[in-house]
PDB file of N, CA and C in Angstrom:
ATOM      1  N   UNK A   1       1.043  -3.351  19.213  1.00  0.00           N
ATOM      2  CA  UNK A   1       0.892  -3.020  20.230  1.00  0.00           C
ATOM      3  C   UNK A   1       0.918  -4.445  21.059  1.00  0.00           C
ATOM      4  N   UNK A   2       1.775  -4.997  21.484  1.00  0.00           N
ATOM      5  CA  UNK A   2       0.954  -6.528  22.568  1.00  0.00           C
ATOM      6  C   UNK A   2       1.034  -6.071  23.937  1.00  0.00           C
ATOM      7  N   UNK A   3      -0.179  -6.852  24.664  1.00  0.00           N
ATOM      8  CA  UNK A   3      -0.735  -6.937  25.741  1.00  0.00           C
ATOM      9  C   UNK A   3      -0.585  -8.494  26.450  1.00  0.00           C
ATOM     10  N   UNK A   4      -0.236  -8.365  27.791  1.00  0.00           N
ATOM     11  CA  UNK A   4       0.291  -9.932  28.648  1.00  0.00           C
ATOM     12  C   UNK A   4      -1.564  -9.427  28.931  1.00  0.00           C
ATOM     13  N   UNK A   5      -1.845 -11.386  28.524  1.00  0.00           N
ATOM     14  CA  UNK A   5      -2.597 -11.847  29.881  1.00  0.00           C
ATOM     15  C   UNK A   5      -1.894 -13.400  30.395  1.00  0.00           C
ATOM     16  N   UNK A   6      -3.149 -13.332  31.869  1.00  0.00           N
ATOM     17  CA  UNK A   6      -2.566 -14.538  32.523  1.00  0.00           C
ATOM     18  C   UNK A   6      -2.118 -16.069  31.061  1.00  0.00           C
ATOM     19  N   UNK A   7      -2.550 -15.892  30.674  1.00  0.00           N
ATOM     20  CA  UNK A   7      -1.801 -17.163  29.813  1.00  0.00           C
ATOM     21  C   UNK A   7      -1.342 -17.478  28.934  1.00  0.00           C
ATOM     22  N   UNK A   8      -0.779 -15.763  28.294  1.00  0.00           N
ATOM     23  CA  UNK A   8       0.748 -15.523  27.282  1.00  0.00           C
ATOM     24  C   UNK A   8       0.248 -14.225  27.170  1.00  0.00           C
ATOM     25  N   UNK A   9       0.799 -13.540  25.442  1.00  0.00           N
ATOM     26  CA  UNK A   9       0.566 -12.251  25.552  1.00  0.00           C
ATOM     27  C   UNK A   9       0.142 -12.315  24.009  1.00  0.00           C
ATOM     28  N   UNK A  10      -0.687 -11.411  24.048  1.00  0.00           N
ATOM     29  CA  UNK A  10      -1.052 -11.084  22.200  1.00  0.00           C
ATOM     30  C   UNK A  10      -0.838  -9.711  21.884  1.00  0.00           C
ATOM     31  N   UNK A  11      -0.216  -9.540  20.809  1.00  0.00           N
ATOM     32  CA  UNK A  11      -0.199  -8.626  19.845  1.00  0.00           C
ATOM     33  C   UNK A  11      -0.695  -7.785  18.446  1.00  0.00           C
ATOM     34  N   UNK A  12      -1.057  -7.177  19.286  1.00  0.00           N
ATOM     35  CA  UNK A  12      -2.292  -6.592  18.307  1.00  0.00           C
ATOM     36  C   UNK A  12      -1.875  -5.691  16.972  1.00  0.00           C
ATOM     37  N   UNK A  13      -1.353  -4.846  15.566  1.00  0.00           N
ATOM     38  CA  UNK A  13      -1.814  -4.221  14.559  1.00  0.00           C
ATOM     39  C   UNK A  13      -1.983  -3.314  14.731  1.00  0.00           C
ATOM     40  N   UNK A  14      -1.435  -2.374  14.623  1.00  0.00           N
ATOM     41  CA  UNK A  14      -0.924  -0.999  14.749  1.00  0.00           C
ATOM     42  C   UNK A  14      -2.841  -0.489  13.891  1.00  0.00           C
ATOM     43  N   UNK A  15      -2.335  -1.749  12.596  1.00  0.00           N
ATOM     44  CA  UNK A  15      -3.955  -1.035  11.328  1.00  0.00           C
ATOM     45  C   UNK A  15      -5.128  -1.187  12.155  1.00  0.00           C
ATOM     46  N   UNK A  16      -5.041  -2.146  13.114  1.00  0.00           N
ATOM     47  CA  UNK A  16      -5.977  -3.499  13.765  1.00  0.00           C
ATOM     48  C   UNK A  16      -6.787  -2.274  14.428  1.00  0.00           C
ATOM     49  N   UNK A  17      -6.165  -1.967  15.373  1.00  0.00           N
ATOM     50  CA  UNK A  17      -6.712  -0.615  16.399  1.00  0.00           C
ATOM     51  C   UNK A  17      -7.139   0.589  15.758  1.00  0.00           C
ATOM     52  N   UNK A  18      -6.606   0.859  13.992  1.00  0.00           N
ATOM     53  CA  UNK A  18      -7.209   1.587  13.864  1.00  0.00           C
ATOM     54  C   UNK A  18      -8.232   1.690  12.825  1.00  0.00           C
ATOM     55  N   UNK A  19      -8.577   0.922  12.448  1.00  0.00           N
ATOM     56  CA  UNK A  19      -9.504   0.009  11.716  1.00  0.00           C
ATOM     57  C   UNK A  19     -10.929   0.203  13.229  1.00  0.00           C
ATOM     58  N   UNK A  20     -10.449  -0.339  13.807  1.00  0.00           N
ATOM     59  CA  UNK A  20     -12.118  -0.575  15.322  1.00  0.00           C
ATOM     60  C   UNK A  20     -11.777   1.174  16.215  1.00  0.00           C
ATOM     61  N   UNK A  21     -11.120   2.010  15.180  1.00  0.00           N
ATOM     62  CA  UNK A  21     -10.800   3.280  15.303  1.00  0.00           C
ATOM     63  C   UNK A  21     -12.189   3.399  15.200  1.00  0.00           C
ATOM     64  N   UNK A  22     -11.743   3.486  13.835  1.00  0.00           N
ATOM     65  CA  UNK A  22     -12.921   4.123  12.714  1.00  0.00           C
ATOM     66  C   UNK A  22     -14.223   3.910  12.546  1.00  0.00           C
ATOM     67  N   UNK A  23     -14.354   2.007  13.189  1.00  0.00           N
ATOM     68  CA  UNK A  23     -15.429   2.118  12.887  1.00  0.00           C
ATOM     69  C   UNK A  23     -16.538   2.182  14.224  1.00  0.00           C
ATOM     70  N   UNK A  24     -15.558   2.276  14.934  1.00  0.00           N
ATOM     71  CA  UNK A  24     -16.082   2.645  16.340  1.00  0.00           C
ATOM     72  C   UNK A  24     -16.507   3.732  16.495  1.00  0.00           C
ATOM     73  N   UNK A  25     -16.042   4.882  15.310  1.00  0.00           N
ATOM     74  CA  UNK A  25     -16.061   6.419  15.600  1.00  0.00           C
ATOM     75  C   UNK A  25     -17.967   6.232  14.640  1.00  0.00           C
ATOM     76  N   UNK A  26     -17.740   5.388  13.790  1.00  0.00           N
ATOM     77  CA  UNK A  26     -18.925   5.300  12.273  1.00  0.00           C
ATOM     78  C   UNK A  26     -19.838   4.983  12.662  1.00  0.00           C
ATOM     79  N   UNK A  27     -20.014   4.284  14.435  1.00  0.00           N
ATOM     80  CA  UNK A  27     -21.315   4.135  14.737  1.00  0.00           C
ATOM     81  C   UNK A  27     -22.008   5.085  15.661  1.00  0.00           C
ATOM     82  N   UNK A  28     -21.575   6.159  15.407  1.00  0.00           N
ATOM     83  CA  UNK A  28     -22.013   8.052  16.121  1.00  0.00           C
ATOM     84  C   UNK A  28     -23.358   7.745  14.871  1.00  0.00           C
ATOM     85  N   UNK A  29     -23.918   8.601  14.677  1.00  0.00           N
ATOM     86  CA  UNK A  29     -24.926   9.561  14.325  1.00  0.00           C
ATOM     87  C   UNK A  29     -24.657  10.511  14.580  1.00  0.00           C
ATOM     88  N   UNK A  30     -24.097  10.854  12.829  1.00  0.00           N
ATOM     89  CA  UNK A  30     -23.845  12.499  12.468  1.00  0.00           C
ATOM     90  C   UNK A  30     -22.179  12.663  12.197  1.00  0.00           C
ATOM     91  N   UNK A  31     -21.466  11.397  12.327  1.00  0.00           N
ATOM     92  CA  UNK A  31     -20.030  11.176  11.728  1.00  0.00           C
ATOM     93  C   UNK A  31     -20.413  10.091   9.972  1.00  0.00           C
ATOM     94  N   UNK A  32     -20.044  11.309   9.252  1.00  0.00           N
ATOM     95  CA  UNK A  32     -19.811  10.614   7.569  1.00  0.00           C
ATOM     96  C   UNK A  32     -19.261   9.778   7.649  1.00  0.00           C
ATOM     97  N   UNK A  33     -19.408   8.405   7.089  1.00  0.00           N
ATOM     98  CA  UNK A  33     -18.872   7.365   6.669  1.00  0.00           C
ATOM     99  C   UNK A  33     -18.270   7.414   5.548  1.00  0.00           C
ATOM    100  N   UNK A  34     -17.385   6.757   5.364  1.00  0.00           N
ATOM    101  CA  UNK A  34     -17.163   5.984   3.582  1.00  0.00           C
ATOM    102  C   UNK A  34     -17.556   5.360   3.127  1.00  0.00           C
ATOM    103  N   UNK A  35     -17.329   6.090   1.908  1.00  0.00           N
ATOM    104  CA  UNK A  35     -18.511   6.221   0.936  1.00  0.00           C
ATOM    105  C   UNK A  35     -17.518   5.719  -0.571  1.00  0.00           C
ATOM    106  N   UNK A  36     -18.387   4.553  -1.092  1.00  0.00           N
ATOM    107  CA  UNK A  36     -17.300   4.738  -2.423  1.00  0.00           C
ATOM    108  C   UNK A  36     -17.785   5.127  -3.727  1.00  0.00           C
ATOM    109  N   UNK A  37     -17.288   5.694  -4.400  1.00  0.00           N
ATOM    110  CA  UNK A  37     -17.790   7.128  -5.463  1.00  0.00           C
ATOM    111  C   UNK A  37     -16.895   6.708  -6.393  1.00  0.00           C
ATOM    112  N   UNK A  38     -17.656   6.694  -7.708  1.00  0.00           N
ATOM    113  CA  UNK A  38     -16.067   7.099  -9.200  1.00  0.00           C
ATOM    114  C   UNK A  38     -15.814   8.493  -9.254  1.00  0.00           C
ATOM    115  N   UNK A  39     -17.393   9.259  -9.120  1.00  0.00           N
ATOM    116  CA  UNK A  39     -17.388  10.583  -8.991  1.00  0.00           C
ATOM    117  C   UNK A  39     -16.030  11.230  -8.292  1.00  0.00           C
ATOM    118  N   UNK A  40     -14.810  12.054  -8.250  1.00  0.00           N
ATOM    119  CA  UNK A  40     -13.481  12.342  -7.747  1.00  0.00           C
ATOM    120  C   UNK A  40     -14.158  13.588  -7.989  1.00  0.00           C
ATOM    121  N   UNK A  41     -14.709  14.180  -7.987  1.00  0.00           N
ATOM    122  CA  UNK A  41     -15.205  15.654  -7.833  1.00  0.00           C
ATOM    123  C   UNK A  41     -15.963  15.853  -5.666  1.00  0.00           C
ATOM    124  N   UNK A  42     -16.934  13.753  -6.351  1.00  0.00           N
ATOM    125  CA  UNK A  42     -17.005  14.525  -4.532  1.00  0.00           C
ATOM    126  C   UNK A  42     -16.298  13.379  -3.673  1.00  0.00           C
ATOM    127  N   UNK A  43     -15.145  12.960  -3.699  1.00  0.00           N
ATOM    128  CA  UNK A  43     -14.166  11.779  -3.506  1.00  0.00           C
ATOM    129  C   UNK A  43     -13.899  12.805  -2.181  1.00  0.00           C
ATOM    130  N   UNK A  44     -13.057  14.229  -1.583  1.00  0.00           N
ATOM    131  CA  UNK A  44     -12.851  14.788  -1.458  1.00  0.00           C
ATOM    132  C   UNK A  44     -14.584  15.206   0.281  1.00  0.00           C
ATOM    133  N   UNK A  45     -15.291  15.154  -0.597  1.00  0.00           N
ATOM    134  CA  UNK A  45     -16.424  15.350   0.922  1.00  0.00           C
ATOM    135  C   UNK A  45     -16.637  13.759   1.387  1.00  0.00           C
ATOM    136  N   UNK A  46     -16.663  12.799   0.385  1.00  0.00           N
ATOM    137  CA  UNK A  46     -17.558  12.150   1.241  1.00  0.00           C
ATOM    138  C   UNK A  46     -16.409  10.955   1.647  1.00  0.00           C
ATOM    139  N   UNK A  47     -14.819  12.048   2.259  1.00  0.00           N
ATOM    140  CA  UNK A  47     -13.912  10.931   2.794  1.00  0.00           C
ATOM    141  C   UNK A  47     -14.597  10.487   4.443  1.00  0.00           C
ATOM    142  N   UNK A  48     -13.904   8.929   4.782  1.00  0.00           N
ATOM    143  CA  UNK A  48     -14.739   8.910   6.337  1.00  0.00           C
ATOM    144  C   UNK A  48     -13.813   9.140   7.187  1.00  0.00           C
ATOM    145  N   UNK A  49     -13.644   8.968   8.443  1.00  0.00           N
ATOM    146  CA  UNK A  49     -13.391   8.983   9.644  1.00  0.00           C
ATOM    147  C   UNK A  49     -11.784   8.397   9.023  1.00  0.00           C
ATOM    148  N   UNK A  50     -10.786   9.015   9.828  1.00  0.00           N
ATOM    149  CA  UNK A  50      -8.658   7.901   9.596  1.00  0.00           C
ATOM    150  C   UNK A  50      -8.436   8.041  11.639  1.00  0.00           C
ATOM    151  N   UNK A  51      -7.913   7.415  11.625  1.00  0.00           N
ATOM    152  CA  UNK A  51      -7.233   7.147  12.522  1.00  0.00           C
ATOM    153  C   UNK A  51      -5.253   6.864  12.952  1.00  0.00           C
ATOM    154  N   UNK A  52      -5.518   7.523  14.460  1.00  0.00           N
ATOM    155  CA  UNK A  52      -3.868   7.547  13.911  1.00  0.00           C
ATOM    156  C   UNK A  52      -3.884   6.547  15.033  1.00  0.00           C
ATOM    157  N   UNK A  53      -2.796   6.037  15.738  1.00  0.00           N
ATOM    158  CA  UNK A  53      -2.270   5.297  16.952  1.00  0.00           C
ATOM    159  C   UNK A  53      -1.498   5.418  17.442  1.00  0.00           C
ATOM    160  N   UNK A  54      -1.274   5.835  18.848  1.00  0.00           N
ATOM    161  CA  UNK A  54       0.545   5.986  19.461  1.00  0.00           C
ATOM    162  C   UNK A  54       0.141   5.482  21.133  1.00  0.00           C
ATOM    163  N   UNK A  55       1.535   4.907  21.762  1.00  0.00           N
ATOM    164  CA  UNK A  55       1.257   3.929  22.729  1.00  0.00           C
ATOM    165  C   UNK A  55       2.348   4.685  23.007  1.00  0.00           C
ATOM    166  N   UNK A  56       1.629   4.962  24.609  1.00  0.00           N
ATOM    167  CA  UNK A  56       1.999   6.159  25.757  1.00  0.00           C
ATOM    168  C   UNK A  56       2.224   5.412  26.843  1.00  0.00           C
ATOM    169  N   UNK A  57       3.233   4.423  27.372  1.00  0.00           N
ATOM    170  CA  UNK A  57       3.097   3.973  29.150  1.00  0.00           C
ATOM    171  C   UNK A  57       2.171   2.628  29.456  1.00  0.00           C
ATOM    172  N   UNK A  58       2.389   1.972  27.689  1.00  0.00           N
ATOM    173  CA  UNK A  58       0.828   1.330  28.120  1.00  0.00           C
ATOM    174  C   UNK A  58       0.124   1.712  27.760  1.00  0.00           C
ATOM    175  N   UNK A  59      -0.552   2.403  27.146  1.00  0.00           N
ATOM    176  CA  UNK A  59      -2.330   3.204  27.280  1.00  0.00           C
ATOM    177  C   UNK A  59      -1.723   3.827  25.266  1.00  0.00           C
ATOM    178  N   UNK A  60      -3.160   3.642  25.371  1.00  0.00           N
ATOM    179  CA  UNK A  60      -3.460   4.463  23.790  1.00  0.00           C
ATOM    180  C   UNK A  60      -3.843   5.996  23.599  1.00  0.00           C
ATOM    181  N   UNK A  61      -3.411   6.035  22.862  1.00  0.00           N
ATOM    182  CA  UNK A  61      -3.545   7.722  22.664  1.00  0.00           C
ATOM    183  C   UNK A  61      -4.228   7.227  20.604  1.00  0.00           C
ATOM    184  N   UNK A  62      -5.552   8.074  20.914  1.00  0.00           N
ATOM    185  CA  UNK A  62      -5.951   7.344  19.625  1.00  0.00           C
ATOM    186  C   UNK A  62      -6.066   9.143  18.830  1.00  0.00           C
ATOM    187  N   UNK A  63      -5.658   9.244  18.271  1.00  0.00           N
ATOM    188  CA  UNK A  63      -6.386  11.346  17.168  1.00  0.00           C
ATOM    189  C   UNK A  63      -7.682  10.277  16.031  1.00  0.00           C
ATOM    190  N   UNK A  64      -8.111  10.888  16.201  1.00  0.00           N
ATOM    191  CA  UNK A  64      -9.198  10.487  14.641  1.00  0.00           C
ATOM    192  C   UNK A  64      -9.439  12.021  14.372  1.00  0.00           C
ATOM    193  N   UNK A  65      -9.108  11.548  13.030  1.00  0.00           N
ATOM    194  CA  UNK A  65     -10.252  13.238  12.301  1.00  0.00           C
ATOM    195  C   UNK A  65     -11.667  12.620  11.695  1.00  0.00           C
ATOM    196  N   UNK A  66     -12.765  13.383  11.628  1.00  0.00           N
ATOM    197  CA  UNK A  66     -13.764  13.123  11.562  1.00  0.00           C
ATOM    198  C   UNK A  66     -14.454  14.261  10.924  1.00  0.00           C
ATOM    199  N   UNK A  67     -15.526  13.716   9.932  1.00  0.00           N
ATOM    200  CA  UNK A  67     -15.921  14.984   9.141  1.00  0.00           C
ATOM    201  C   UNK A  67     -17.671  14.274   9.863  1.00  0.00           C
ATOM    202  N   UNK A  68     -18.071  15.906   9.444  1.00  0.00           N
ATOM    203  CA  UNK A  68     -19.713  15.462  10.728  1.00  0.00           C
ATOM    204  C   UNK A  68     -20.539  16.088   9.620  1.00  0.00           C
ATOM    205  N   UNK A  69     -22.065  15.729   9.819  1.00  0.00           N
ATOM    206  CA  UNK A  69     -23.042  15.816   9.094  1.00  0.00           C
ATOM    207  C   UNK A  69     -23.504  17.238   9.720  1.00  0.00           C
ATOM    208  N   UNK A  70     -24.780  17.231   8.187  1.00  0.00           N
ATOM    209  CA  UNK A  70     -25.298  19.069   8.547  1.00  0.00           C
ATOM    210  C   UNK A  70     -25.817  18.437  10.170  1.00  0.00           C
ATOM    211  N   UNK A  71     -26.718  20.411  11.108  1.00  0.00           N
ATOM    212  CA  UNK A  71     -27.689  20.129  11.500  1.00  0.00           C
ATOM    213  C   UNK A  71     -27.255  18.839  13.072  1.00  0.00           C
ATOM    214  N   UNK A  72     -26.225  18.729  13.689  1.00  0.00           N
ATOM    215  CA  UNK A  72     -26.124  17.978  14.871  1.00  0.00           C
ATOM    216  C   UNK A  72     -25.384  19.313  15.690  1.00  0.00           C
ATOM    217  N   UNK A  73     -25.446  18.496  16.619  1.00  0.00           N
ATOM    218  CA  UNK A  73     -25.000  19.328  17.922  1.00  0.00           C
ATOM    219  C   UNK A  73     -23.388  18.687  17.973  1.00  0.00           C
ATOM    220  N   UNK A  74     -21.983  19.433  17.583  1.00  0.00           N
ATOM    221  CA  UNK A  74     -20.419  19.558  17.703  1.00  0.00           C
ATOM    222  C   UNK A  74     -20.069  18.200  18.905  1.00  0.00           C
ATOM    223  N   UNK A  75     -20.234  19.657  19.786  1.00  0.00           N
ATOM    224  CA  UNK A  75     -19.717  18.722  20.728  1.00  0.00           C
ATOM    225  C   UNK A  75     -20.451  17.281  21.289  1.00  0.00           C
ATOM    226  N   UNK A  76     -21.723  17.060  21.609  1.00  0.00           N
ATOM    227  CA  UNK A  76     -22.417  16.050  21.789  1.00  0.00           C
ATOM    228  C   UNK A  76     -21.495  15.150  21.092  1.00  0.00           C
ATOM    229  N   UNK A  77     -21.516  15.084  19.532  1.00  0.00           N
ATOM    230  CA  UNK A  77     -21.214  14.252  18.803  1.00  0.00           C
ATOM    231  C   UNK A  77     -19.937  14.264  19.161  1.00  0.00           C
ATOM    232  N   UNK A  78     -18.769  15.033  19.477  1.00  0.00           N
ATOM    233  CA  UNK A  78     -17.844  14.344  19.347  1.00  0.00           C
ATOM    234  C   UNK A  78     -17.345  13.435  20.930  1.00  0.00           C
ATOM    235  N   UNK A  79     -17.907  14.008  21.475  1.00  0.00           N
ATOM    236  CA  UNK A  79     -17.717  13.487  22.955  1.00  0.00           C
ATOM    237  C   UNK A  79     -18.752  11.812  22.980  1.00  0.00           C
ATOM    238  N   UNK A  80     -19.496  11.588  22.527  1.00  0.00           N
ATOM    239  CA  UNK A  80     -19.984  10.511  22.145  1.00  0.00           C
ATOM    240  C   UNK A  80     -18.730   8.622  21.076  1.00  0.00           C
ATOM    241  N   UNK A  81     -18.502  10.324  20.149  1.00  0.00           N
ATOM    242  CA  UNK A  81     -17.372   9.591  19.039  1.00  0.00           C
ATOM    243  C   UNK A  81     -16.218   8.967  20.664  1.00  0.00           C
ATOM    244  N   UNK A  82     -16.256  10.365  21.158  1.00  0.00           N
ATOM    245  CA  UNK A  82     -14.891   9.811  22.032  1.00  0.00           C
ATOM    246  C   UNK A  82     -15.160   8.332  23.045  1.00  0.00           C
ATOM    247  N   UNK A  83     -16.490   8.753  23.869  1.00  0.00           N
ATOM    248  CA  UNK A  83     -16.556   7.571  24.709  1.00  0.00           C
ATOM    249  C   UNK A  83     -16.777   6.203  24.067  1.00  0.00           C
ATOM    250  N   UNK A  84     -17.496   6.393  22.840  1.00  0.00           N
ATOM    251  CA  UNK A  84     -17.275   4.426  22.093  1.00  0.00           C
ATOM    252  C   UNK A  84     -16.411   4.248  20.991  1.00  0.00           C
ATOM    253  N   UNK A  85     -15.271   5.182  21.038  1.00  0.00           N
ATOM    254  CA  UNK A  85     -14.175   4.291  20.656  1.00  0.00           C
ATOM    255  C   UNK A  85     -12.937   3.685  21.886  1.00  0.00           C
ATOM    256  N   UNK A  86     -13.442   4.495  23.288  1.00  0.00           N
ATOM    257  CA  UNK A  86     -12.957   3.953  24.183  1.00  0.00           C
ATOM    258  C   UNK A  86     -13.687   2.561  24.362  1.00  0.00           C
ATOM    259  N   UNK A  87     -14.604   2.663  24.511  1.00  0.00           N
ATOM    260  CA  UNK A  87     -15.359   1.524  25.002  1.00  0.00           C
ATOM    261  C   UNK A  87     -15.296  -0.126  24.415  1.00  0.00           C
ATOM    262  N   UNK A  88     -15.556   0.885  22.937  1.00  0.00           N
ATOM    263  CA  UNK A  88     -15.041  -0.900  21.429  1.00  0.00           C
ATOM    264  C   UNK A  88     -13.359  -1.421  21.771  1.00  0.00           C
ATOM    265  N   UNK A  89     -12.394  -0.157  21.726  1.00  0.00           N
ATOM    266  CA  UNK A  89     -11.275  -0.574  21.447  1.00  0.00           C
ATOM    267  C   UNK A  89     -11.172  -1.592  23.571  1.00  0.00           C
ATOM    268  N   UNK A  90     -11.515  -0.642  24.196  1.00  0.00           N
ATOM    269  CA  UNK A  90     -11.128  -1.496  25.484  1.00  0.00           C
ATOM    270  C   UNK A  90     -11.837  -3.114  25.521  1.00  0.00           C
ATOM    271  N   UNK A  91     -13.284  -2.488  25.035  1.00  0.00           N
ATOM    272  CA  UNK A  91     -13.839  -4.546  25.788  1.00  0.00           C
ATOM    273  C   UNK A  91     -13.230  -4.768  23.953  1.00  0.00           C
ATOM    274  N   UNK A  92     -12.061  -4.661  23.104  1.00  0.00           N
ATOM    275  CA  UNK A  92     -11.942  -5.688  22.379  1.00  0.00           C
ATOM    276  C   UNK A  92     -10.671  -6.154  22.374  1.00  0.00           C
ATOM    277  N   UNK A  93     -10.320  -5.602  22.919  1.00  0.00           N
ATOM    278  CA  UNK A  93      -8.452  -5.692  23.280  1.00  0.00           C
ATOM    279  C   UNK A  93      -8.019  -5.642  24.601  1.00  0.00           C
ATOM    280  N   UNK A  94      -8.573  -5.390  25.143  1.00  0.00           N
ATOM    281  CA  UNK A  94      -7.779  -5.428  27.099  1.00  0.00           C
ATOM    282  C   UNK A  94      -7.240  -4.061  26.918  1.00  0.00           C
ATOM    283  N   UNK A  95      -6.512  -3.445  25.517  1.00  0.00           N
ATOM    284  CA  UNK A  95      -5.671  -2.497  25.729  1.00  0.00           C
ATOM    285  C   UNK A  95      -6.292  -1.663  26.415  1.00  0.00           C
ATOM    286  N   UNK A  96      -5.685  -0.448  27.187  1.00  0.00           N
ATOM    287  CA  UNK A  96      -6.273   0.880  27.626  1.00  0.00           C
ATOM    288  C   UNK A  96      -5.771   1.940  27.069  1.00  0.00           C
ATOM    289  N   UNK A  97      -7.675   2.654  26.651  1.00  0.00           N
ATOM    290  CA  UNK A  97      -6.730   4.075  25.769  1.00  0.00           C
ATOM    291  C   UNK A  97      -6.941   5.689  26.757  1.00  0.00           C
ATOM    292  N   UNK A  98      -5.823   6.075  26.624  1.00  0.00           N
ATOM    293  CA  UNK A  98      -5.514   7.380  27.725  1.00  0.00           C
ATOM    294  C   UNK A  98      -6.164   8.191  27.377  1.00  0.00           C
ATOM    295  N   UNK A  99      -6.019   7.983  25.355  1.00  0.00           N
ATOM    296  CA  UNK A  99      -6.884  10.113  25.426  1.00  0.00           C
ATOM    297  C   UNK A  99      -7.543   9.823  23.693  1.00  0.00           C
ATOM    298  N   UNK A 100      -8.861  10.061  23.563  1.00  0.00           N
ATOM    299  CA  UNK A 100      -8.890  10.521  22.082  1.00  0.00           C
ATOM    300  C   UNK A 100      -9.174  11.574  21.953  1.00  0.00           C
ATOM    301  N   UNK A 101      -8.156  12.269  20.953  1.00  0.00           N
ATOM    302  CA  UNK A 101      -8.551  13.448  20.217  1.00  0.00           C
ATOM    303  C   UNK A 101      -9.124  13.430  18.964  1.00  0.00           C
ATOM    304  N   UNK A 102     -10.053  13.991  18.872  1.00  0.00           N
ATOM    305  CA  UNK A 102     -10.590  13.822  17.806  1.00  0.00           C
ATOM    306  C   UNK A 102     -10.603  15.840  16.626  1.00  0.00           C
ATOM    307  N   UNK A 103     -10.222  15.859  16.082  1.00  0.00           N
ATOM    308  CA  UNK A 103     -10.812  16.533  14.796  1.00  0.00           C
ATOM    309  C   UNK A 103     -11.350  16.477  13.921  1.00  0.00           C
ATOM    310  N   UNK A 104     -11.828  18.134  14.168  1.00  0.00           N
ATOM    311  CA  UNK A 104     -13.244  17.570  12.736  1.00  0.00           C
ATOM    312  C   UNK A 104     -12.806  18.897  11.841  1.00  0.00           C
ATOM    313  N   UNK A 105     -12.599  18.030  10.437  1.00  0.00           N
ATOM    314  CA  UNK A 105     -11.730  19.099   9.526  1.00  0.00           C
ATOM    315  C   UNK A 105     -13.053  19.802   8.481  1.00  0.00           C
ATOM    316  N   UNK A 106     -13.306  19.263   8.346  1.00  0.00           N
ATOM    317  CA  UNK A 106     -15.157  19.420   7.796  1.00  0.00           C
ATOM    318  C   UNK A 106     -16.080  18.968   8.534  1.00  0.00           C
ATOM    319  N   UNK A 107     -17.645  20.282   8.573  1.00  0.00           N
ATOM    320  CA  UNK A 107     -19.049  20.020   8.855  1.00  0.00           C
ATOM    321  C   UNK A 107     -20.278  20.977   7.439  1.00  0.00           C
ATOM    322  N   UNK A 108     -20.430  19.613   7.400  1.00  0.00           N
ATOM    323  CA  UNK A 108     -21.514  20.278   6.215  1.00  0.00           C
ATOM    324  C   UNK A 108     -22.641  20.684   6.434  1.00  0.00           C
ATOM    325  N   UNK A 109     -22.969  22.296   5.707  1.00  0.00           N
ATOM    326  CA  UNK A 109     -23.218  22.609   6.389  1.00  0.00           C
ATOM    327  C   UNK A 109     -24.568  23.216   5.123  1.00  0.00           C
TER     328      UNK A 109
END
């Protein structure tokens, strides 16, 4: 993704934007973070957020997949994730974010 500023152009790889989105989502309480485990049985359960970035008309559309912990308000947690991802991406890169779509495939019960 390229962004033009007064003194020149900056190109940021989509992988960096993915990492920023994942890190921003992990900052929110209730989102399960990536843990490293040698136990293959628990590996699926412990996977952290994943991100996919697309650009439309100079704005980013971010698709996040996050697993949530038990005893949380799903709606409030997802809203906090969306707001934090937008804030982090826009403040660190200057690239506008059009939307953050969040998928929750797993909720620990």
